[in-house]
Amino acid sequence: MDRATALDIVYQAIDVVNGLRSETEQLAKTPDLLLAGEGGALDSLALVTLILAVESRVSTLAGAEIGLLDDSDFGEDAGGLRSPAALADLILERLAA
């Protein structure tokens, strides 16, 4: 899987989250959107929804099960969950492991 595909998976997951939000709360699909951490666009429930949608799509496309949440992904800056670009990089990292 390449980075563009991984980023597209994140955008598809954002579509899932947007389907649960009002028209005025829609998230833009940009690589640098602040998803999590201080000032992030997602609350904990929306973040879990996003992660589950990403993991499901990766499983379907790559035929591999990955887990995107571990202790290092949480904290003040939210690590690999901070933005769509960071999440795409995390997908590639977990697939390579």
N, C-alpha and C. Protein backbone atom coordinates (compact mmCIF):
# COMPACT_ATOMS: atom_id res chain seq x y z
N MET A 1 0.85 -1.17 0.00
CA MET A 1 0.00 0.00 0.00
C MET A 1 0.90 1.24 0.00
N ASP A 2 0.52 2.24 -0.78
CA ASP A 2 1.29 3.48 -0.79
C ASP A 2 0.60 4.55 0.06
N ARG A 3 1.29 5.67 0.24
CA ARG A 3 0.79 6.72 1.13
C ARG A 3 -0.51 7.33 0.60
N ALA A 4 -0.64 7.49 -0.70
CA ALA A 4 -1.86 8.06 -1.27
C ALA A 4 -3.06 7.18 -0.97
N THR A 5 -2.89 5.87 -1.05
CA THR A 5 -3.97 4.93 -0.74
C THR A 5 -4.32 5.00 0.75
N ALA A 6 -3.28 5.06 1.59
CA ALA A 6 -3.52 5.15 3.03
C ALA A 6 -4.27 6.44 3.37
N LEU A 7 -3.90 7.54 2.73
CA LEU A 7 -4.59 8.81 2.97
C LEU A 7 -6.04 8.74 2.48
N ASP A 8 -6.26 8.08 1.35
CA ASP A 8 -7.62 7.91 0.85
C ASP A 8 -8.47 7.10 1.83
N ILE A 9 -7.88 6.10 2.46
CA ILE A 9 -8.59 5.31 3.48
C ILE A 9 -9.02 6.21 4.63
N VAL A 10 -8.14 7.10 5.04
CA VAL A 10 -8.48 8.03 6.13
C VAL A 10 -9.62 8.94 5.68
N TYR A 11 -9.57 9.41 4.46
CA TYR A 11 -10.65 10.27 3.95
C TYR A 11 -11.98 9.52 3.88
N GLN A 12 -11.94 8.25 3.53
CA GLN A 12 -13.17 7.45 3.52
C GLN A 12 -13.72 7.31 4.94
N ALA A 13 -12.83 7.18 5.90
CA ALA A 13 -13.26 7.11 7.31
C ALA A 13 -13.84 8.45 7.76
N ILE A 14 -13.28 9.54 7.28
CA ILE A 14 -13.84 10.86 7.59
C ILE A 14 -15.25 10.96 7.02
N ASP A 15 -15.48 10.38 5.85
CA ASP A 15 -16.84 10.36 5.28
C ASP A 15 -17.81 9.64 6.23
N VAL A 16 -17.34 8.55 6.85
CA VAL A 16 -18.19 7.81 7.81
C VAL A 16 -18.53 8.73 8.98
N VAL A 17 -17.53 9.39 9.53
CA VAL A 17 -17.76 10.31 10.66
C VAL A 17 -18.67 11.45 10.23
N ASN A 18 -18.44 12.00 9.05
CA ASN A 18 -19.28 13.10 8.57
C ASN A 18 -20.73 12.67 8.40
N GLY A 19 -20.94 11.40 8.10
CA GLY A 19 -22.31 10.88 7.97
C GLY A 19 -23.07 10.91 9.28
N LEU A 20 -22.34 11.03 10.38
CA LEU A 20 -22.96 11.08 11.71
C LEU A 20 -23.05 12.49 12.28
N ARG A 21 -22.55 13.45 11.52
CA ARG A 21 -22.49 14.84 11.99
C ARG A 21 -23.48 15.71 11.21
N SER A 22 -23.83 16.83 11.80
CA SER A 22 -24.71 17.77 11.09
C SER A 22 -23.96 18.42 9.94
N GLU A 23 -24.71 19.04 9.06
CA GLU A 23 -24.11 19.69 7.89
C GLU A 23 -23.11 20.77 8.28
N THR A 24 -23.34 21.43 9.39
CA THR A 24 -22.44 22.50 9.82
C THR A 24 -21.20 21.98 10.56
N GLU A 25 -21.19 20.69 10.89
CA GLU A 25 -20.07 20.10 11.62
C GLU A 25 -19.19 19.19 10.75
N GLN A 26 -19.36 19.25 9.45
CA GLN A 26 -18.62 18.38 8.54
C GLN A 26 -17.12 18.67 8.60
N LEU A 27 -16.33 17.60 8.56
CA LEU A 27 -14.88 17.73 8.56
C LEU A 27 -14.37 17.84 7.13
N ALA A 28 -13.41 18.72 6.92
CA ALA A 28 -12.78 18.84 5.62
C ALA A 28 -11.78 17.70 5.45
N LYS A 29 -11.64 17.23 4.23
CA LYS A 29 -10.68 16.15 3.97
C LYS A 29 -9.39 16.78 3.45
N THR A 30 -8.57 17.23 4.41
CA THR A 30 -7.27 17.79 4.11
C THR A 30 -6.23 17.08 4.96
N PRO A 31 -5.01 16.93 4.44
CA PRO A 31 -3.99 16.15 5.16
C PRO A 31 -3.62 16.72 6.53
N ASP A 32 -3.74 18.02 6.70
CA ASP A 32 -3.30 18.65 7.94
C ASP A 32 -4.43 18.99 8.91
N LEU A 33 -5.64 18.52 8.66
CA LEU A 33 -6.76 18.75 9.57
C LEU A 33 -6.41 18.23 10.95
N LEU A 34 -6.57 19.04 11.97
CA LEU A 34 -6.29 18.63 13.34
C LEU A 34 -7.45 17.77 13.83
N LEU A 35 -7.21 16.45 13.93
CA LEU A 35 -8.24 15.50 14.32
C LEU A 35 -8.32 15.35 15.83
N ALA A 36 -7.18 15.14 16.46
CA ALA A 36 -7.14 14.81 17.89
C ALA A 36 -6.05 15.62 18.57
N GLY A 37 -6.10 15.59 19.88
CA GLY A 37 -5.17 16.39 20.65
C GLY A 37 -5.83 17.71 21.01
N GLU A 38 -5.08 18.58 21.61
CA GLU A 38 -5.63 19.86 22.02
C GLU A 38 -6.12 20.64 20.80
N GLY A 39 -7.39 21.03 20.81
CA GLY A 39 -7.98 21.77 19.71
C GLY A 39 -8.43 20.89 18.55
N GLY A 40 -8.39 19.56 18.72
CA GLY A 40 -8.78 18.64 17.65
C GLY A 40 -10.26 18.70 17.36
N ALA A 41 -10.62 18.34 16.14
CA ALA A 41 -12.00 18.42 15.67
C ALA A 41 -12.89 17.29 16.19
N LEU A 42 -12.29 16.20 16.70
CA LEU A 42 -13.08 15.03 17.08
C LEU A 42 -13.12 14.84 18.60
N ASP A 43 -14.31 14.50 19.09
CA ASP A 43 -14.40 14.07 20.48
C ASP A 43 -14.02 12.59 20.53
N SER A 44 -13.99 12.01 21.70
CA SER A 44 -13.50 10.64 21.83
C SER A 44 -14.36 9.63 21.06
N LEU A 45 -15.66 9.80 21.05
CA LEU A 45 -16.54 8.88 20.33
C LEU A 45 -16.31 8.97 18.82
N ALA A 46 -16.21 10.17 18.30
CA ALA A 46 -15.96 10.35 16.87
C ALA A 46 -14.58 9.82 16.49
N LEU A 47 -13.60 9.97 17.37
CA LEU A 47 -12.27 9.46 17.10
C LEU A 47 -12.27 7.94 17.03
N VAL A 48 -12.97 7.29 17.95
CA VAL A 48 -13.07 5.83 17.93
C VAL A 48 -13.79 5.38 16.66
N THR A 49 -14.83 6.08 16.26
CA THR A 49 -15.55 5.76 15.02
C THR A 49 -14.61 5.85 13.83
N LEU A 50 -13.81 6.90 13.79
CA LEU A 50 -12.85 7.09 12.70
C LEU A 50 -11.85 5.94 12.67
N ILE A 51 -11.29 5.61 13.82
CA ILE A 51 -10.28 4.55 13.89
C ILE A 51 -10.87 3.21 13.45
N LEU A 52 -12.06 2.88 13.92
CA LEU A 52 -12.70 1.62 13.53
C LEU A 52 -12.96 1.58 12.03
N ALA A 53 -13.38 2.70 11.46
CA ALA A 53 -13.62 2.76 10.01
C ALA A 53 -12.31 2.57 9.25
N VAL A 54 -11.23 3.17 9.73
CA VAL A 54 -9.93 3.00 9.08
C VAL A 54 -9.48 1.55 9.16
N GLU A 55 -9.54 0.96 10.35
CA GLU A 55 -9.10 -0.43 10.52
C GLU A 55 -9.91 -1.39 9.65
N SER A 56 -11.21 -1.16 9.55
CA SER A 56 -12.06 -2.00 8.73
C SER A 56 -11.68 -1.89 7.26
N ARG A 57 -11.46 -0.68 6.80
CA ARG A 57 -11.12 -0.46 5.38
C ARG A 57 -9.75 -1.04 5.05
N VAL A 58 -8.79 -0.90 5.96
CA VAL A 58 -7.46 -1.48 5.74
C VAL A 58 -7.58 -3.00 5.63
N SER A 59 -8.38 -3.58 6.50
CA SER A 59 -8.59 -5.03 6.47
C SER A 59 -9.16 -5.47 5.14
N THR A 60 -10.13 -4.72 4.63
CA THR A 60 -10.76 -5.05 3.35
C THR A 60 -9.78 -4.90 2.19
N LEU A 61 -9.05 -3.79 2.16
CA LEU A 61 -8.17 -3.52 1.02
C LEU A 61 -6.85 -4.28 1.06
N ALA A 62 -6.27 -4.37 2.24
CA ALA A 62 -4.93 -4.96 2.36
C ALA A 62 -4.98 -6.41 2.80
N GLY A 63 -6.13 -6.85 3.27
CA GLY A 63 -6.23 -8.22 3.75
C GLY A 63 -5.42 -8.44 5.01
N ALA A 64 -5.16 -7.38 5.75
CA ALA A 64 -4.36 -7.46 6.97
C ALA A 64 -5.08 -6.75 8.10
N GLU A 65 -5.01 -7.35 9.26
CA GLU A 65 -5.59 -6.73 10.45
C GLU A 65 -4.52 -5.86 11.11
N ILE A 66 -4.85 -4.62 11.38
CA ILE A 66 -3.92 -3.74 12.10
C ILE A 66 -4.67 -3.13 13.27
N GLY A 67 -3.93 -2.78 14.29
CA GLY A 67 -4.46 -2.04 15.42
C GLY A 67 -3.81 -0.67 15.43
N LEU A 68 -4.61 0.35 15.45
CA LEU A 68 -4.07 1.70 15.38
C LEU A 68 -3.95 2.38 16.74
N LEU A 69 -4.45 1.75 17.77
CA LEU A 69 -4.41 2.38 19.09
C LEU A 69 -3.47 1.62 20.02
N ASP A 70 -2.50 2.32 20.53
CA ASP A 70 -1.71 1.81 21.64
C ASP A 70 -1.31 3.01 22.50
N ASP A 71 -0.65 2.76 23.60
CA ASP A 71 -0.36 3.84 24.54
C ASP A 71 0.41 4.99 23.92
N SER A 72 1.26 4.71 22.94
CA SER A 72 2.07 5.77 22.34
C SER A 72 1.25 6.69 21.44
N ASP A 73 0.04 6.27 21.08
CA ASP A 73 -0.80 7.09 20.21
C ASP A 73 -1.60 8.14 20.96
N PHE A 74 -1.55 8.06 22.27
CA PHE A 74 -2.28 9.03 23.08
C PHE A 74 -1.29 9.97 23.76
N GLY A 75 -1.79 11.04 24.24
CA GLY A 75 -0.94 12.01 24.90
C GLY A 75 -1.33 13.39 24.44
N GLU A 76 -0.53 14.33 24.82
CA GLU A 76 -0.86 15.71 24.54
C GLU A 76 -0.96 16.02 23.05
N ASP A 77 -0.07 15.44 22.23
CA ASP A 77 -0.10 15.75 20.80
C ASP A 77 -0.85 14.71 19.97
N ALA A 78 -1.34 13.66 20.59
CA ALA A 78 -2.12 12.58 19.96
C ALA A 78 -1.34 11.79 18.92
N GLY A 79 -0.06 12.00 18.80
CA GLY A 79 0.81 11.19 17.94
C GLY A 79 0.26 10.94 16.56
N GLY A 80 0.14 9.66 16.21
CA GLY A 80 -0.28 9.26 14.88
C GLY A 80 -1.74 9.53 14.57
N LEU A 81 -2.48 10.01 15.57
CA LEU A 81 -3.90 10.31 15.35
C LEU A 81 -4.15 11.80 15.16
N ARG A 82 -3.11 12.58 15.13
CA ARG A 82 -3.24 14.03 15.12
C ARG A 82 -3.87 14.58 13.84
N SER A 83 -3.56 14.00 12.70
CA SER A 83 -4.05 14.51 11.43
C SER A 83 -4.24 13.35 10.45
N PRO A 84 -4.97 13.57 9.35
CA PRO A 84 -5.08 12.52 8.34
C PRO A 84 -3.71 12.09 7.80
N ALA A 85 -2.80 13.01 7.60
CA ALA A 85 -1.46 12.66 7.10
C ALA A 85 -0.73 11.78 8.11
N ALA A 86 -0.79 12.14 9.39
CA ALA A 86 -0.13 11.34 10.43
C ALA A 86 -0.79 9.96 10.54
N LEU A 87 -2.09 9.91 10.41
CA LEU A 87 -2.80 8.64 10.48
C LEU A 87 -2.44 7.75 9.28
N ALA A 88 -2.30 8.35 8.10
CA ALA A 88 -1.87 7.59 6.91
C ALA A 88 -0.48 7.00 7.15
N ASP A 89 0.42 7.78 7.73
CA ASP A 89 1.76 7.28 8.03
C ASP A 89 1.70 6.15 9.05
N LEU A 90 0.81 6.25 10.03
CA LEU A 90 0.65 5.21 11.04
C LEU A 90 0.13 3.92 10.41
N ILE A 91 -0.79 4.04 9.47
CA ILE A 91 -1.29 2.86 8.75
C ILE A 91 -0.14 2.14 8.07
N LEU A 92 0.67 2.89 7.35
CA LEU A 92 1.80 2.29 6.63
C LEU A 92 2.81 1.66 7.59
N GLU A 93 3.04 2.32 8.71
CA GLU A 93 3.96 1.79 9.73
C GLU A 93 3.45 0.47 10.29
N ARG A 94 2.16 0.42 10.61
CA ARG A 94 1.58 -0.80 11.19
C ARG A 94 1.52 -1.93 10.17
N LEU A 95 1.28 -1.60 8.89
CA LEU A 95 1.27 -2.64 7.85
C LEU A 95 2.66 -3.22 7.63
N ALA A 96 3.68 -2.38 7.81
CA ALA A 96 5.05 -2.83 7.60
C ALA A 96 5.59 -3.65 8.76
N ALA A 97 4.93 -3.55 9.92
CA ALA A 97 5.42 -4.26 11.12
C ALA A 97 5.17 -5.73 11.05
